[in-house]
Protein backbone atom coordinates (compact mmCIF):
# COMPACT_ATOMS: atom_id res chain seq x y z
CA MET A 1 -35.37 -22.48 13.98
CA GLY A 2 -33.67 -22.99 17.32
CA HIS A 3 -32.74 -26.56 16.36
CA ILE A 4 -31.12 -25.35 13.12
CA ILE A 5 -29.00 -22.78 14.96
CA THR A 6 -27.99 -25.41 17.54
CA ASP A 7 -27.01 -27.85 14.79
CA LEU A 8 -24.95 -25.16 13.04
CA LYS A 9 -23.14 -24.36 16.29
CA GLU A 10 -22.37 -28.05 16.90
CA ASN A 11 -21.17 -28.54 13.33
CA PHE A 12 -18.95 -25.48 13.68
CA LYS A 13 -17.42 -26.79 16.91
CA ARG A 14 -16.73 -30.22 15.40
CA SER A 15 -15.28 -28.85 12.15
CA ASP A 16 -11.59 -28.53 11.38
CA ILE A 17 -10.00 -25.09 11.04
CA ASN A 18 -10.50 -25.13 7.27
CA LEU A 19 -14.27 -25.50 7.52
CA LYS A 20 -14.41 -22.97 10.36
CA PHE A 21 -12.99 -20.30 8.05
CA ILE A 22 -15.42 -21.32 5.32
CA TYR A 23 -18.31 -21.01 7.78
CA ALA A 24 -17.02 -17.58 8.85
CA ASN A 25 -16.85 -16.35 5.26
CA ALA A 26 -20.31 -17.74 4.52
CA ALA A 27 -21.77 -16.09 7.63
CA VAL A 28 -20.29 -12.69 6.73
CA PHE A 29 -21.55 -13.00 3.15
CA LEU A 30 -25.05 -13.90 4.35
CA LEU A 31 -25.07 -10.97 6.79
CA THR A 32 -23.86 -8.43 4.22
CA SER A 33 -26.26 -9.74 1.56
CA LEU A 34 -29.25 -9.50 3.88
CA THR A 35 -28.16 -5.99 4.88
CA GLY A 36 -28.03 -4.99 1.22
CA ILE A 37 -31.47 -6.46 0.57
CA GLY A 38 -32.90 -4.65 3.60
CA PHE A 39 -31.59 -1.29 2.38
CA MET A 40 -32.80 -1.99 -1.15
CA LEU A 41 -36.36 -2.60 0.05
CA PHE A 42 -36.37 1.04 1.18
CA ASN A 43 -34.79 2.22 -2.09
CA ARG A 44 -31.47 2.79 -0.36
CA SER A 45 -28.00 1.42 -0.97
CA ALA A 46 -25.92 -0.32 1.69
CA GLY A 47 -22.74 0.31 -0.30
CA PHE A 48 -21.62 3.23 1.86
CA LEU A 49 -22.03 1.18 5.05
CA LEU A 50 -20.35 -1.98 3.72
CA SER A 51 -17.47 -0.02 2.20
CA TRP A 52 -16.20 0.62 5.74
CA PHE A 53 -15.27 -3.08 5.87
CA GLU A 54 -13.63 -3.16 2.42
CA LEU A 55 -9.98 -2.20 2.00
CA PRO A 56 -9.45 1.18 0.30
CA ALA A 57 -6.44 1.81 -1.92
CA SER A 58 -6.24 5.37 -0.61
CA PHE A 59 -4.01 5.74 2.47
CA PRO A 60 -5.99 8.73 3.87
CA ARG A 61 -9.19 6.65 3.69
CA PHE A 62 -7.40 3.65 5.21
CA ILE A 63 -6.33 5.72 8.22
CA LEU A 64 -10.03 6.23 8.96
CA GLN A 65 -10.76 2.49 8.78
CA PRO A 66 -7.61 0.52 9.65
CA TRP A 67 -9.69 -2.53 10.64
CA SER A 68 -10.52 -3.02 6.95
CA LEU A 69 -7.07 -4.60 6.42
CA PHE A 70 -8.51 -7.54 8.36
CA THR A 71 -12.22 -7.44 7.54
CA TYR A 72 -11.81 -7.23 3.75
CA MET A 73 -10.56 -10.81 3.58
CA PHE A 74 -13.96 -12.07 4.75
CA MET A 75 -16.03 -9.90 2.39
CA HIS A 76 -17.26 -11.01 -1.06
CA ALA A 77 -19.00 -9.21 -3.90
CA ASP A 78 -21.44 -11.90 -5.07
CA VAL A 79 -22.31 -15.60 -4.98
CA LEU A 80 -19.80 -16.67 -7.65
CA HIS A 81 -17.04 -14.70 -5.93
CA ILE A 82 -17.44 -16.49 -2.61
CA LEU A 83 -18.26 -19.85 -4.25
CA PHE A 84 -14.98 -20.12 -6.15
CA ASN A 85 -12.90 -18.78 -3.25
CA MET A 86 -14.43 -21.23 -0.80
CA LEU A 87 -14.06 -24.19 -3.18
CA TRP A 88 -10.35 -23.42 -3.57
CA LEU A 89 -10.02 -22.95 0.18
CA TYR A 90 -11.77 -26.27 0.87
CA TRP A 91 -9.69 -28.30 -1.58
CA PHE A 92 -6.30 -26.86 -0.79
CA GLY A 93 -7.07 -26.34 2.88
CA LYS A 94 -7.52 -30.11 3.24
CA ILE A 95 -4.17 -30.73 1.55
CA PHE A 96 -2.53 -28.01 3.66
CA LEU A 97 -3.64 -29.74 6.87
CA TYR A 98 -1.90 -32.96 5.77
CA PHE A 99 1.47 -31.22 6.07
CA PHE A 100 0.91 -28.32 8.46
CA SER A 101 -1.02 -27.69 11.66
CA ALA A 102 -4.33 -25.94 12.27
CA ARG A 103 -2.46 -23.03 13.89
CA HIS A 104 -0.34 -22.67 10.76
CA PHE A 105 -3.54 -22.56 8.70
CA ARG A 106 -5.10 -19.88 10.87
CA GLY A 107 -1.96 -17.76 10.93
CA LEU A 108 -1.24 -18.07 7.20
CA TYR A 109 -4.82 -17.25 6.18
CA ILE A 110 -4.55 -13.96 8.07
CA LEU A 111 -0.95 -13.30 7.00
CA GLY A 112 -1.80 -13.94 3.33
CA GLY A 113 -4.68 -11.48 3.55
CA LEU A 114 -2.50 -8.85 5.25
CA CYS A 115 0.30 -9.17 2.69
CA GLY A 116 -2.17 -9.10 -0.20
CA GLY A 117 -3.89 -6.01 1.15
CA LEU A 118 -0.64 -4.16 1.84
CA LEU A 119 0.79 -4.91 -1.61
CA TYR A 120 -2.49 -3.73 -3.17
CA MET A 121 -2.32 -0.38 -1.36
CA VAL A 122 1.39 0.14 -2.07
CA ALA A 123 1.00 -0.68 -5.77
CA TYR A 124 -1.95 1.68 -6.22
CA ASN A 125 -0.05 4.53 -4.58
CA VAL A 126 3.34 3.92 -6.22
CA PHE A 127 2.55 3.19 -9.87
CA PRO A 128 1.22 6.13 -11.93
CA TYR A 129 -0.99 3.71 -13.89
CA PHE A 130 -3.39 3.59 -10.91
CA SER A 131 -3.31 7.29 -10.03
CA TYR A 132 -6.76 7.99 -11.52
CA THR A 133 -8.47 5.18 -9.59
CA VAL A 134 -6.63 5.14 -6.26
CA GLY A 135 -9.25 7.35 -4.61
CA VAL A 136 -12.20 5.10 -5.47
CA SER A 137 -10.73 1.59 -5.54
CA MET A 138 -11.75 -0.90 -2.86
CA LEU A 139 -10.57 -4.47 -2.28
CA LEU A 140 -12.57 -7.39 -0.91
CA GLY A 141 -12.36 -11.17 -1.00
CA ALA A 142 -10.41 -14.09 0.45
CA SER A 143 -8.36 -14.72 -2.71
CA ALA A 144 -5.04 -13.51 -1.28
CA SER A 145 -5.47 -15.73 1.78
CA VAL A 146 -6.43 -18.71 -0.39
CA LEU A 147 -3.43 -18.25 -2.69
CA ALA A 148 -1.13 -18.13 0.33
CA ILE A 149 -2.45 -21.57 1.31
CA VAL A 150 -2.02 -22.90 -2.24
CA VAL A 151 1.55 -21.65 -2.67
CA ALA A 152 2.63 -22.85 0.80
CA VAL A 153 1.46 -26.38 -0.01
CA ALA A 154 3.06 -26.26 -3.46
CA CYS A 155 6.38 -25.25 -1.90
CA ARG A 156 6.15 -28.00 0.73
CA GLU A 157 5.12 -30.77 -1.66
CA PRO A 158 5.73 -29.55 -5.23
CA ASN A 159 5.23 -32.97 -6.81
CA TYR A 160 1.94 -33.68 -5.02
CA ALA A 161 -0.55 -34.38 -7.84
CA ILE A 162 -4.23 -33.51 -7.83
CA GLN A 163 -6.96 -34.55 -10.26
CA LEU A 164 -8.46 -31.73 -12.32
CA MET A 165 -11.60 -32.18 -14.39
CA PHE A 166 -10.94 -32.44 -18.16
CA ILE A 167 -7.18 -32.14 -17.53
CA GLY A 168 -6.11 -35.06 -15.35
CA ASN A 169 -3.31 -35.18 -12.80
CA VAL A 170 -1.48 -31.91 -12.28
CA LYS A 171 1.40 -31.37 -9.87
CA LEU A 172 0.94 -28.58 -7.37
CA LYS A 173 4.06 -26.72 -8.49
CA TYR A 174 2.65 -26.29 -12.00
CA LEU A 175 -0.76 -25.25 -10.74
CA ALA A 176 0.74 -22.63 -8.41
CA LEU A 177 3.01 -21.30 -11.16
CA PHE A 178 0.05 -21.03 -13.54
CA MET A 179 -1.99 -19.07 -10.99
CA VAL A 180 0.87 -16.68 -10.20
CA ALA A 181 1.68 -16.17 -13.90
CA THR A 182 -1.99 -15.44 -14.62
CA ASP A 183 -2.08 -12.78 -11.91
CA LEU A 184 1.11 -11.19 -13.27
CA LEU A 185 -0.33 -11.00 -16.79
CA LEU A 186 -3.66 -9.57 -15.61
CA MET A 187 -2.41 -7.03 -13.06
CA THR A 188 -3.26 -4.14 -15.37
CA GLY A 189 -6.70 -5.51 -16.30
CA GLY A 190 -10.18 -4.80 -15.03
CA ASN A 191 -9.56 -6.51 -11.67
CA ALA A 192 -6.02 -5.17 -11.24
CA GLY A 193 -6.33 -4.74 -7.46
CA GLY A 194 -7.47 -8.32 -7.00
CA HIS A 195 -4.59 -9.75 -9.03
CA ILE A 196 -2.04 -7.63 -7.18
CA ALA A 197 -3.47 -8.84 -3.86
CA HIS A 198 -3.19 -12.44 -5.13
CA LEU A 199 0.52 -11.88 -5.70
CA GLY A 200 0.87 -10.56 -2.16
CA GLY A 201 -0.82 -13.68 -0.84
CA ALA A 202 1.43 -15.89 -2.98
CA LEU A 203 4.52 -14.14 -1.58
CA ALA A 204 3.22 -14.76 1.95
CA GLY A 205 2.79 -18.48 1.20
CA LEU A 206 6.31 -18.69 -0.25
CA TRP A 207 7.74 -16.78 2.73
CA PHE A 208 5.94 -19.04 5.20
CA ALA A 209 7.03 -22.33 3.59
CA SER A 210 10.62 -21.19 3.13
CA ALA A 211 10.94 -19.91 6.71
CA LEU A 212 9.30 -23.00 8.22
CA SER A 213 11.71 -25.29 6.37
CA LYS A 214 14.46 -23.48 8.28
CA GLY A 215 12.66 -23.87 11.60
CA HIS A 216 11.12 -20.39 11.80
CA ASP A 217 7.35 -19.97 11.99
CA ILE A 218 6.46 -16.49 10.72
CA THR A 219 2.82 -16.97 11.75
CA ALA A 220 3.68 -17.48 15.42
CA TRP A 221 3.27 -13.79 16.34
CA LEU A 222 -0.13 -13.66 14.65
CA ASN A 223 -1.33 -16.75 16.48
CA ARG A 224 -0.13 -15.33 19.79
CA LEU A 225 -2.01 -12.11 19.05
CA ILE A 226 -5.19 -13.99 18.16
CA ASP A 227 -4.89 -16.17 21.28
CA GLY A 228 -4.35 -13.08 23.42
CA CYS A 229 -7.46 -11.38 22.05
CA SER A 230 -9.47 -14.58 22.44
CA ASN A 231 -8.34 -15.03 26.05
CA LEU A 232 -9.12 -11.39 26.81
CA PHE A 233 -12.71 -11.72 25.65
CA SER A 234 -13.15 -15.11 27.32
CA ARG A 235 -11.93 -13.70 30.65
CA LYS A 236 -14.40 -10.85 30.38
CA GLY A 237 -17.20 -13.32 29.81
CA THR A 238 -16.26 -15.69 32.62
CA SER A 239 -15.55 -12.93 35.14
CA ARG A 240 -19.25 -12.19 35.27
CA LYS A 241 -20.07 -15.72 36.24
CA LYS A 242 -19.76 -17.02 39.77
CA LYS A 243 -16.92 -19.45 40.09
CA ALA A 244 -18.09 -22.93 40.96
CA LYS A 245 -16.50 -24.81 43.84
CA MET A 246 -13.82 -27.22 42.82
CA LYS A 247 -14.88 -30.83 42.97
CA VAL A 248 -12.36 -33.63 43.07
CA HIS A 249 -13.36 -36.97 41.64
CA TYR A 250 -11.33 -40.05 42.36
CA GLY A 251 -11.75 -42.31 39.37
CA ASP A 252 -10.38 -45.66 38.42
CA ARG A 253 -6.60 -45.38 38.29
CA ALA A 254 -6.29 -48.40 36.02
CA GLN A 255 -8.69 -46.86 33.57
CA ASP A 256 -6.74 -43.58 33.62
CA TYR A 257 -3.49 -45.45 33.06
CA ASN A 258 -4.90 -47.31 30.06
CA TYR A 259 -6.24 -44.09 28.56
CA ASN A 260 -2.90 -42.30 28.94
CA ALA A 261 -1.04 -45.26 27.50
CA GLN A 262 -3.36 -45.33 24.48
CA LYS A 263 -2.90 -41.59 23.87
CA LYS A 264 0.89 -42.01 24.15
CA GLU A 265 0.80 -44.84 21.61
CA GLN A 266 -1.27 -42.76 19.18
CA SER A 267 1.09 -39.81 19.59
CA ASP A 268 4.13 -41.98 18.89
CA GLU A 269 2.46 -43.37 15.77
CA ILE A 270 1.74 -39.88 14.41
CA ASP A 271 5.33 -38.84 15.13
CA ARG A 272 6.55 -41.86 13.19
CA ILE A 273 4.29 -41.03 10.22
CA LEU A 274 5.38 -37.38 10.21
CA GLU A 275 9.04 -38.43 10.24
CA LYS A 276 8.39 -40.76 7.30
CA LEU A 277 6.55 -37.95 5.53
CA LYS A 278 9.50 -35.62 6.10
CA GLN A 279 12.05 -38.12 4.84
CA SER A 280 10.23 -39.71 1.89
CA GLY A 281 7.30 -37.46 0.98
CA TYR A 282 3.53 -37.91 1.05
CA GLU A 283 3.45 -40.53 -1.72
CA SER A 284 5.49 -42.94 0.43
CA LEU A 285 2.69 -43.22 3.02
CA THR A 286 0.32 -46.16 3.00
CA ALA A 287 -3.44 -45.65 2.81
CA GLU A 288 -3.73 -46.45 6.54
CA GLU A 289 -0.99 -43.96 7.43
CA LYS A 290 -2.69 -41.26 5.35
CA ARG A 291 -5.98 -41.95 7.15
CA LYS A 292 -4.33 -41.72 10.58
CA LEU A 293 -2.64 -38.45 9.61
CA PHE A 294 -5.90 -37.03 8.32
CA ASP A 295 -7.77 -38.04 11.50
CA ALA A 296 -5.05 -36.48 13.65
CA SER A 297 -5.24 -33.18 11.73
CA ASN A 298 -8.99 -33.00 12.42
CA SER A 299 -8.79 -33.85 16.11
């Protein structure tokens, strides 16, 4: 068992940001599922406990659990729910990382979830159609975050084509439009809250891509906040450990020079490819350039 946990930790460390979020969603789903099974064995329901991590439509209930605006985007109702969300996240997350950075991915995933959750709460409290269900409605799932990723990529490379089973090549702009139109048509259906949240995520993706094209990164503040929290916890952990004495190693200067020169050459090559991508689009890249760009996004 220890070897399995060690392997999972190593795989998580080596994974790109896309897979890290998939692992996080899978881990939360496994934990919540096991909690539900444990309660069920004693003829109890874990619904009351887990609902504290789902996003309520009611503002008074939300005030009691404000953290749910973040936690809901990692919660899923069943196996099919998380399976389809993670498949979409895997496919479009890979494409996203061709054109944007890992920090953009992290920030937009969270921003898409926040915008989806906020639009869901506002809609349920503004429109009379939802007045009878606002007190009992709860939102969970990564769909809003996933749709933010999809729409951002579609805005950046609208003519990028992907292969769909039984359909063939479909350009991203048409796929994104179809998904948004579907959510608009179904926003008064059985899963109204989910479709409204999808639209919030789509708006976040559109906002991100539009702002970034003008040189403004709307996810920067989120990434700074996440980094600040991460550094705070890491400092607390390291402060308990005795600081080791600094050791200075004098290595081979020639070897260091060659290493730095190689890194500089690789960096210049990636800059060249990104400039070509910006000027001519993804389809203009050669297979070797696409491979180098993919390797750089995972490093």
